[in-house]
Amino acid sequence: MIVVKIELWPCGFESRKREIGRMLIDNQGGTAKRGNYRVRVLRKGSEDKVLREGEVTNYPRQSYNVWRLVCRALKSTFHEEQ
């Protein structure tokens, strides 16, 4: 599982950080070269309450870095932003 956490650090102070977003990306199988992922965006402050769900299918695991997977995961959960 990949956990994407977004933190706000007021005025750059880590000691005052607070989490403002979280996304979970779960491997759902595929092949060594192509993967399928379940995507869940969680409610603010929650570790289990799902706000939005999506999926990334047939992702070329070995061709791109993790940020492309995160980008596709966001697009799969926020269709209105496409």
N, C-alpha and C. Protein backbone atom coordinates (compact mmCIF):
# COMPACT_ATOMS: atom_id res chain seq x y z
N MET A 1 0.85 -1.18 0.00
CA MET A 1 0.00 0.00 0.00
C MET A 1 0.89 1.23 0.00
N ILE A 2 0.47 2.21 -0.77
CA ILE A 2 1.13 3.52 -0.78
C ILE A 2 0.22 4.48 -0.04
N VAL A 3 0.78 5.20 0.92
CA VAL A 3 0.04 6.21 1.67
C VAL A 3 0.60 7.58 1.28
N VAL A 4 -0.28 8.43 0.77
CA VAL A 4 0.12 9.80 0.42
C VAL A 4 -0.49 10.71 1.47
N LYS A 5 0.37 11.36 2.25
CA LYS A 5 -0.08 12.28 3.30
C LYS A 5 0.29 13.70 2.90
N ILE A 6 -0.65 14.61 3.08
CA ILE A 6 -0.37 16.02 2.82
C ILE A 6 -0.44 16.75 4.16
N GLU A 7 0.65 17.42 4.49
CA GLU A 7 0.72 18.15 5.75
C GLU A 7 0.88 19.64 5.49
N LEU A 8 0.29 20.42 6.35
CA LEU A 8 0.46 21.87 6.35
C LEU A 8 1.42 22.20 7.50
N TRP A 9 2.48 22.91 7.19
CA TRP A 9 3.43 23.36 8.20
C TRP A 9 3.31 24.88 8.29
N PRO A 10 2.52 25.40 9.21
CA PRO A 10 2.33 26.85 9.30
C PRO A 10 3.66 27.60 9.46
N CYS A 11 3.88 28.56 8.60
CA CYS A 11 5.11 29.37 8.60
C CYS A 11 6.38 28.51 8.51
N GLY A 12 6.25 27.27 8.02
CA GLY A 12 7.40 26.38 7.87
C GLY A 12 7.81 25.66 9.14
N PHE A 13 7.02 25.75 10.20
CA PHE A 13 7.37 25.11 11.46
C PHE A 13 6.81 23.69 11.51
N GLU A 14 7.72 22.72 11.47
CA GLU A 14 7.30 21.32 11.54
C GLU A 14 6.58 21.02 12.85
N SER A 15 6.96 21.68 13.91
CA SER A 15 6.35 21.43 15.22
C SER A 15 4.86 21.78 15.23
N ARG A 16 4.41 22.59 14.26
CA ARG A 16 3.00 22.99 14.20
C ARG A 16 2.25 22.28 13.07
N LYS A 17 2.86 21.26 12.50
CA LYS A 17 2.27 20.59 11.34
C LYS A 17 0.94 19.93 11.69
N ARG A 18 0.09 19.85 10.64
CA ARG A 18 -1.17 19.11 10.78
C ARG A 18 -1.50 18.50 9.43
N GLU A 19 -2.04 17.32 9.48
CA GLU A 19 -2.40 16.61 8.26
C GLU A 19 -3.68 17.20 7.70
N ILE A 20 -3.66 17.51 6.40
CA ILE A 20 -4.85 18.07 5.76
C ILE A 20 -5.39 17.19 4.63
N GLY A 21 -4.71 16.07 4.37
CA GLY A 21 -5.21 15.16 3.34
C GLY A 21 -4.47 13.84 3.37
N ARG A 22 -5.19 12.76 2.95
CA ARG A 22 -4.58 11.44 2.90
C ARG A 22 -5.22 10.62 1.79
N MET A 23 -4.39 9.90 1.06
CA MET A 23 -4.86 9.00 0.00
C MET A 23 -4.17 7.65 0.18
N LEU A 24 -4.93 6.58 -0.03
CA LEU A 24 -4.38 5.23 0.02
C LEU A 24 -4.44 4.64 -1.38
N ILE A 25 -3.34 4.05 -1.81
CA ILE A 25 -3.27 3.39 -3.12
C ILE A 25 -2.88 1.94 -2.86
N ASP A 26 -3.82 1.02 -3.10
CA ASP A 26 -3.62 -0.40 -2.81
C ASP A 26 -3.37 -1.19 -4.09
N ASN A 27 -2.33 -2.02 -4.07
CA ASN A 27 -2.05 -2.90 -5.19
C ASN A 27 -3.14 -3.97 -5.27
N GLN A 28 -3.78 -4.08 -6.43
CA GLN A 28 -4.85 -5.07 -6.62
C GLN A 28 -4.44 -6.16 -7.60
N GLY A 29 -3.17 -6.27 -7.88
CA GLY A 29 -2.69 -7.33 -8.76
C GLY A 29 -2.28 -6.82 -10.13
N GLY A 30 -2.22 -7.75 -11.05
CA GLY A 30 -1.75 -7.45 -12.39
C GLY A 30 -0.56 -8.34 -12.70
N THR A 31 0.39 -7.81 -13.44
CA THR A 31 1.60 -8.55 -13.78
C THR A 31 2.80 -7.77 -13.25
N ALA A 32 3.99 -8.31 -13.49
CA ALA A 32 5.20 -7.61 -13.06
C ALA A 32 5.35 -6.28 -13.79
N LYS A 33 4.83 -6.20 -15.01
CA LYS A 33 4.98 -4.98 -15.81
C LYS A 33 3.78 -4.04 -15.72
N ARG A 34 2.60 -4.58 -15.50
CA ARG A 34 1.37 -3.77 -15.48
C ARG A 34 0.61 -4.03 -14.19
N GLY A 35 0.18 -2.96 -13.53
CA GLY A 35 -0.51 -3.12 -12.26
C GLY A 35 -1.87 -2.47 -12.21
N ASN A 36 -2.69 -2.97 -11.30
CA ASN A 36 -4.01 -2.42 -11.04
C ASN A 36 -4.05 -1.97 -9.59
N TYR A 37 -4.65 -0.81 -9.36
CA TYR A 37 -4.65 -0.21 -8.02
C TYR A 37 -6.03 0.31 -7.64
N ARG A 38 -6.38 0.12 -6.38
CA ARG A 38 -7.58 0.73 -5.81
C ARG A 38 -7.12 2.02 -5.13
N VAL A 39 -7.91 3.07 -5.29
CA VAL A 39 -7.55 4.38 -4.75
C VAL A 39 -8.66 4.85 -3.82
N ARG A 40 -8.27 5.32 -2.62
CA ARG A 40 -9.24 5.87 -1.67
C ARG A 40 -8.71 7.19 -1.12
N VAL A 41 -9.54 8.22 -1.23
CA VAL A 41 -9.24 9.51 -0.61
C VAL A 41 -10.03 9.53 0.69
N LEU A 42 -9.35 9.78 1.79
CA LEU A 42 -10.00 9.73 3.10
C LEU A 42 -10.46 11.11 3.55
N ARG A 43 -11.47 11.08 4.40
CA ARG A 43 -11.96 12.33 5.01
C ARG A 43 -10.86 12.93 5.88
N LYS A 44 -10.84 14.24 5.93
CA LYS A 44 -9.85 14.95 6.74
C LYS A 44 -9.89 14.45 8.18
N GLY A 45 -8.73 14.10 8.70
CA GLY A 45 -8.63 13.66 10.08
C GLY A 45 -9.00 12.21 10.31
N SER A 46 -9.32 11.48 9.24
CA SER A 46 -9.74 10.08 9.38
C SER A 46 -8.70 9.16 8.78
N GLU A 47 -8.59 7.97 9.34
CA GLU A 47 -7.72 6.95 8.77
C GLU A 47 -8.52 5.84 8.11
N ASP A 48 -9.87 5.94 8.12
CA ASP A 48 -10.67 4.87 7.53
C ASP A 48 -11.97 5.32 6.86
N LYS A 49 -12.36 6.57 7.00
CA LYS A 49 -13.60 7.04 6.37
C LYS A 49 -13.32 7.55 4.96
N VAL A 50 -13.87 6.83 3.98
CA VAL A 50 -13.57 7.11 2.58
C VAL A 50 -14.47 8.23 2.05
N LEU A 51 -13.85 9.22 1.44
CA LEU A 51 -14.56 10.34 0.83
C LEU A 51 -14.80 10.08 -0.65
N ARG A 52 -13.78 9.56 -1.33
CA ARG A 52 -13.87 9.26 -2.76
C ARG A 52 -13.09 7.98 -3.05
N GLU A 53 -13.53 7.27 -4.10
CA GLU A 53 -12.84 6.06 -4.52
C GLU A 53 -12.59 6.09 -6.02
N GLY A 54 -11.56 5.39 -6.44
CA GLY A 54 -11.25 5.28 -7.86
C GLY A 54 -10.36 4.08 -8.09
N GLU A 55 -9.88 3.97 -9.32
CA GLU A 55 -8.96 2.88 -9.64
C GLU A 55 -8.04 3.29 -10.78
N VAL A 56 -6.87 2.72 -10.75
CA VAL A 56 -5.90 2.88 -11.83
C VAL A 56 -5.65 1.48 -12.36
N THR A 57 -5.93 1.26 -13.64
CA THR A 57 -5.75 -0.07 -14.21
C THR A 57 -4.69 -0.05 -15.30
N ASN A 58 -4.05 -1.19 -15.45
CA ASN A 58 -3.07 -1.40 -16.51
C ASN A 58 -1.92 -0.38 -16.44
N TYR A 59 -1.53 -0.01 -15.23
CA TYR A 59 -0.47 0.99 -15.04
C TYR A 59 0.90 0.36 -15.33
N PRO A 60 1.73 1.01 -16.16
CA PRO A 60 3.06 0.47 -16.48
C PRO A 60 4.04 0.68 -15.32
N ARG A 61 4.08 -0.29 -14.43
CA ARG A 61 4.85 -0.18 -13.17
C ARG A 61 6.31 0.21 -13.38
N GLN A 62 6.95 -0.35 -14.37
CA GLN A 62 8.40 -0.16 -14.53
C GLN A 62 8.77 0.99 -15.45
N SER A 63 7.77 1.63 -16.04
CA SER A 63 8.06 2.70 -17.00
C SER A 63 8.09 4.09 -16.40
N TYR A 64 7.37 4.30 -15.31
CA TYR A 64 7.25 5.63 -14.72
C TYR A 64 7.54 5.59 -13.22
N ASN A 65 7.81 6.77 -12.66
CA ASN A 65 8.02 6.83 -11.22
C ASN A 65 6.68 6.93 -10.49
N VAL A 66 6.76 6.93 -9.18
CA VAL A 66 5.55 6.89 -8.35
C VAL A 66 4.66 8.12 -8.53
N TRP A 67 5.23 9.26 -8.89
CA TRP A 67 4.43 10.48 -9.02
C TRP A 67 3.42 10.40 -10.15
N ARG A 68 3.73 9.65 -11.19
CA ARG A 68 2.74 9.44 -12.25
C ARG A 68 1.59 8.60 -11.75
N LEU A 69 1.88 7.62 -10.92
CA LEU A 69 0.82 6.81 -10.33
C LEU A 69 -0.07 7.68 -9.44
N VAL A 70 0.53 8.54 -8.64
CA VAL A 70 -0.24 9.45 -7.77
C VAL A 70 -1.11 10.37 -8.63
N CYS A 71 -0.57 10.88 -9.71
CA CYS A 71 -1.34 11.75 -10.61
C CYS A 71 -2.55 11.01 -11.18
N ARG A 72 -2.35 9.80 -11.64
CA ARG A 72 -3.46 9.02 -12.19
C ARG A 72 -4.47 8.67 -11.10
N ALA A 73 -3.98 8.42 -9.90
CA ALA A 73 -4.87 8.13 -8.77
C ALA A 73 -5.76 9.34 -8.48
N LEU A 74 -5.19 10.53 -8.47
CA LEU A 74 -5.97 11.75 -8.25
C LEU A 74 -7.02 11.93 -9.34
N LYS A 75 -6.63 11.74 -10.59
CA LYS A 75 -7.58 11.89 -11.69
C LYS A 75 -8.72 10.88 -11.59
N SER A 76 -8.42 9.68 -11.08
CA SER A 76 -9.48 8.66 -10.98
C SER A 76 -10.49 8.97 -9.89
N THR A 77 -10.12 9.79 -8.93
CA THR A 77 -11.02 10.10 -7.82
C THR A 77 -11.68 11.47 -7.94
N PHE A 78 -11.11 12.35 -8.73
CA PHE A 78 -11.66 13.69 -8.92
C PHE A 78 -11.95 13.90 -10.41
N HIS A 79 -12.98 13.22 -10.90
CA HIS A 79 -13.33 13.24 -12.33
C HIS A 79 -13.61 14.66 -12.83
N GLU A 80 -14.16 15.50 -11.98
CA GLU A 80 -14.53 16.85 -12.40
C GLU A 80 -13.30 17.71 -12.72
N GLU A 81 -12.13 17.28 -12.30
CA GLU A 81 -10.91 18.05 -12.55
C GLU A 81 -10.20 17.65 -13.84
N GLN A 82 -10.74 16.71 -14.56
CA GLN A 82 -10.09 16.24 -15.79
C GLN A 82 -10.24 17.30 -16.82
